[in-house]
Amino acid sequence: METVHQSMRQQGLVRPARGRVLGGVCAGLGQRFGIDPWPARLLFILILLLIPGSQILVYPILWIIMPAEPVAVTPPAGTMWATPVD
């Protein structure tokens, strides 16, 4: 599965950390093809309406296959990270 995720990352197909509504699949597809998330969602729904029942399979499969965008973890402002002292 890691090779599939790596391949998707190389192609720019990742689920972004921000702008998600459910799983980030449509936001990721929109980001990859250079369109805003909402038109990408509408286009995704219109395409899936052409083949009834396909949305039950396609969205969860894409959710599993598309890797999440890596998020850098930063400490909250105003907090100190203490290390234990012996």
C-alpha atoms as a PDB file:
ATOM      1  CA  MET A   1       0.000   0.000   0.000  1.00  0.00           C
ATOM      2  CA  GLU A   2       2.930   2.324   0.660  1.00  0.00           C
ATOM      3  CA  THR A   3       4.012   2.144  -2.978  1.00  0.00           C
ATOM      4  CA  VAL A   4       0.512   3.244  -4.031  1.00  0.00           C
ATOM      5  CA  HIS A   5       0.656   6.173  -1.604  1.00  0.00           C
ATOM      6  CA  GLN A   6       4.135   7.122  -2.812  1.00  0.00           C
ATOM      7  CA  SER A   7       2.971   7.026  -6.431  1.00  0.00           C
ATOM      8  CA  MET A   8      -0.025   9.235  -5.608  1.00  0.00           C
ATOM      9  CA  ARG A   9       2.219  11.720  -3.780  1.00  0.00           C
ATOM     10  CA  GLN A  10       4.530  11.938  -6.802  1.00  0.00           C
ATOM     11  CA  GLN A  11       1.527  12.717  -9.017  1.00  0.00           C
ATOM     12  CA  GLY A  12       0.297  15.388  -6.600  1.00  0.00           C
ATOM     13  CA  LEU A  13      -2.797  13.480  -5.500  1.00  0.00           C
ATOM     14  CA  VAL A  14      -2.988  14.012  -1.746  1.00  0.00           C
ATOM     15  CA  ARG A  15      -5.830  14.807   0.610  1.00  0.00           C
ATOM     16  CA  PRO A  16      -5.018  18.306   1.935  1.00  0.00           C
ATOM     17  CA  ALA A  17      -4.973  18.998   5.656  1.00  0.00           C
ATOM     18  CA  ARG A  18      -7.142  22.093   5.192  1.00  0.00           C
ATOM     19  CA  GLY A  19     -10.312  22.557   3.178  1.00  0.00           C
ATOM     20  CA  ARG A  20     -11.727  19.115   3.838  1.00  0.00           C
ATOM     21  CA  VAL A  21     -15.441  18.529   4.159  1.00  0.00           C
ATOM     22  CA  LEU A  22     -15.479  14.785   4.679  1.00  0.00           C
ATOM     23  CA  GLY A  23     -12.267  13.006   3.758  1.00  0.00           C
ATOM     24  CA  GLY A  24     -10.580  15.575   1.551  1.00  0.00           C
ATOM     25  CA  VAL A  25     -10.865  13.529  -1.641  1.00  0.00           C
ATOM     26  CA  CYS A  26     -12.578  16.221  -3.742  1.00  0.00           C
ATOM     27  CA  ALA A  27     -10.352  18.957  -2.302  1.00  0.00           C
ATOM     28  CA  GLY A  28      -7.316  16.867  -3.249  1.00  0.00           C
ATOM     29  CA  LEU A  29      -8.604  16.239  -6.757  1.00  0.00           C
ATOM     30  CA  GLY A  30      -9.363  19.935  -7.182  1.00  0.00           C
ATOM     31  CA  GLN A  31      -5.912  20.875  -5.913  1.00  0.00           C
ATOM     32  CA  ARG A  32      -4.282  18.419  -8.321  1.00  0.00           C
ATOM     33  CA  PHE A  33      -6.185  19.712 -11.354  1.00  0.00           C
ATOM     34  CA  GLY A  34      -5.952  23.391 -10.393  1.00  0.00           C
ATOM     35  CA  ILE A  35      -9.565  24.164  -9.491  1.00  0.00           C
ATOM     36  CA  ASP A  36     -11.174  25.289  -6.252  1.00  0.00           C
ATOM     37  CA  PRO A  37     -12.588  22.611  -3.932  1.00  0.00           C
ATOM     38  CA  TRP A  38     -16.281  23.516  -4.346  1.00  0.00           C
ATOM     39  CA  PRO A  39     -16.392  23.292  -8.145  1.00  0.00           C
ATOM     40  CA  ALA A  40     -14.400  20.051  -7.844  1.00  0.00           C
ATOM     41  CA  ARG A  41     -17.016  18.693  -5.432  1.00  0.00           C
ATOM     42  CA  LEU A  42     -19.863  19.659  -7.743  1.00  0.00           C
ATOM     43  CA  LEU A  43     -18.117  18.134 -10.734  1.00  0.00           C
ATOM     44  CA  PHE A  44     -17.410  14.946  -8.761  1.00  0.00           C
ATOM     45  CA  ILE A  45     -21.087  14.675  -7.782  1.00  0.00           C
ATOM     46  CA  LEU A  46     -22.276  15.307 -11.346  1.00  0.00           C
ATOM     47  CA  ILE A  47     -19.949  12.652 -12.730  1.00  0.00           C
ATOM     48  CA  LEU A  48     -21.024  10.147 -10.099  1.00  0.00           C
ATOM     49  CA  LEU A  49     -24.692  10.842 -10.819  1.00  0.00           C
ATOM     50  CA  LEU A  50     -24.157   9.597 -14.354  1.00  0.00           C
ATOM     51  CA  ILE A  51     -23.452   6.128 -12.961  1.00  0.00           C
ATOM     52  CA  PRO A  52     -25.924   5.518 -10.090  1.00  0.00           C
ATOM     53  CA  GLY A  53     -24.442   3.762  -7.076  1.00  0.00           C
ATOM     54  CA  SER A  54     -20.856   4.425  -8.067  1.00  0.00           C
ATOM     55  CA  GLN A  55     -20.378   7.039  -5.354  1.00  0.00           C
ATOM     56  CA  ILE A  56     -20.756   4.298  -2.753  1.00  0.00           C
ATOM     57  CA  LEU A  57     -17.611   2.657  -4.145  1.00  0.00           C
ATOM     58  CA  VAL A  58     -15.550   5.433  -5.709  1.00  0.00           C
ATOM     59  CA  TYR A  59     -15.311   7.919  -2.814  1.00  0.00           C
ATOM     60  CA  PRO A  60     -14.275   5.400  -0.110  1.00  0.00           C
ATOM     61  CA  ILE A  61     -11.761   3.780  -2.460  1.00  0.00           C
ATOM     62  CA  LEU A  62     -10.202   7.152  -3.264  1.00  0.00           C
ATOM     63  CA  TRP A  63     -10.230   8.003   0.458  1.00  0.00           C
ATOM     64  CA  ILE A  64      -8.174   4.879   1.149  1.00  0.00           C
ATOM     65  CA  ILE A  65      -5.852   5.194  -1.843  1.00  0.00           C
ATOM     66  CA  MET A  66      -5.072   8.926  -1.628  1.00  0.00           C
ATOM     67  CA  PRO A  67      -2.537   9.670   1.110  1.00  0.00           C
ATOM     68  CA  ALA A  68      -3.071  12.503   3.556  1.00  0.00           C
ATOM     69  CA  GLU A  69      -0.917  15.567   3.121  1.00  0.00           C
ATOM     70  CA  PRO A  70       1.956  15.582   5.629  1.00  0.00           C
ATOM     71  CA  VAL A  71       1.401  18.124   8.378  1.00  0.00           C
ATOM     72  CA  ALA A  72       4.248  19.770  10.252  1.00  0.00           C
ATOM     73  CA  VAL A  73       3.654  19.674  13.987  1.00  0.00           C
ATOM     74  CA  THR A  74       4.454  22.944  15.723  1.00  0.00           C
ATOM     75  CA  PRO A  75       3.998  23.687  19.415  1.00  0.00           C
ATOM     76  CA  PRO A  76       1.166  26.062  20.328  1.00  0.00           C
ATOM     77  CA  ALA A  77       2.202  29.672  20.868  1.00  0.00           C
ATOM     78  CA  GLY A  78       3.031  30.579  24.442  1.00  0.00           C
ATOM     79  CA  THR A  79       3.846  27.060  25.611  1.00  0.00           C
ATOM     80  CA  MET A  80       7.176  25.713  26.684  1.00  0.00           C
ATOM     81  CA  TRP A  81       8.336  22.235  25.873  1.00  0.00           C
ATOM     82  CA  ALA A  82      10.025  20.980  28.983  1.00  0.00           C
ATOM     83  CA  THR A  83      12.340  18.027  29.108  1.00  0.00           C
ATOM     84  CA  PRO A  84      12.530  15.917  32.232  1.00  0.00           C
ATOM     85  CA  VAL A  85      15.500  16.632  34.439  1.00  0.00           C
ATOM     86  CA  ASP A  86      17.175  13.806  36.360  1.00  0.00           C
END
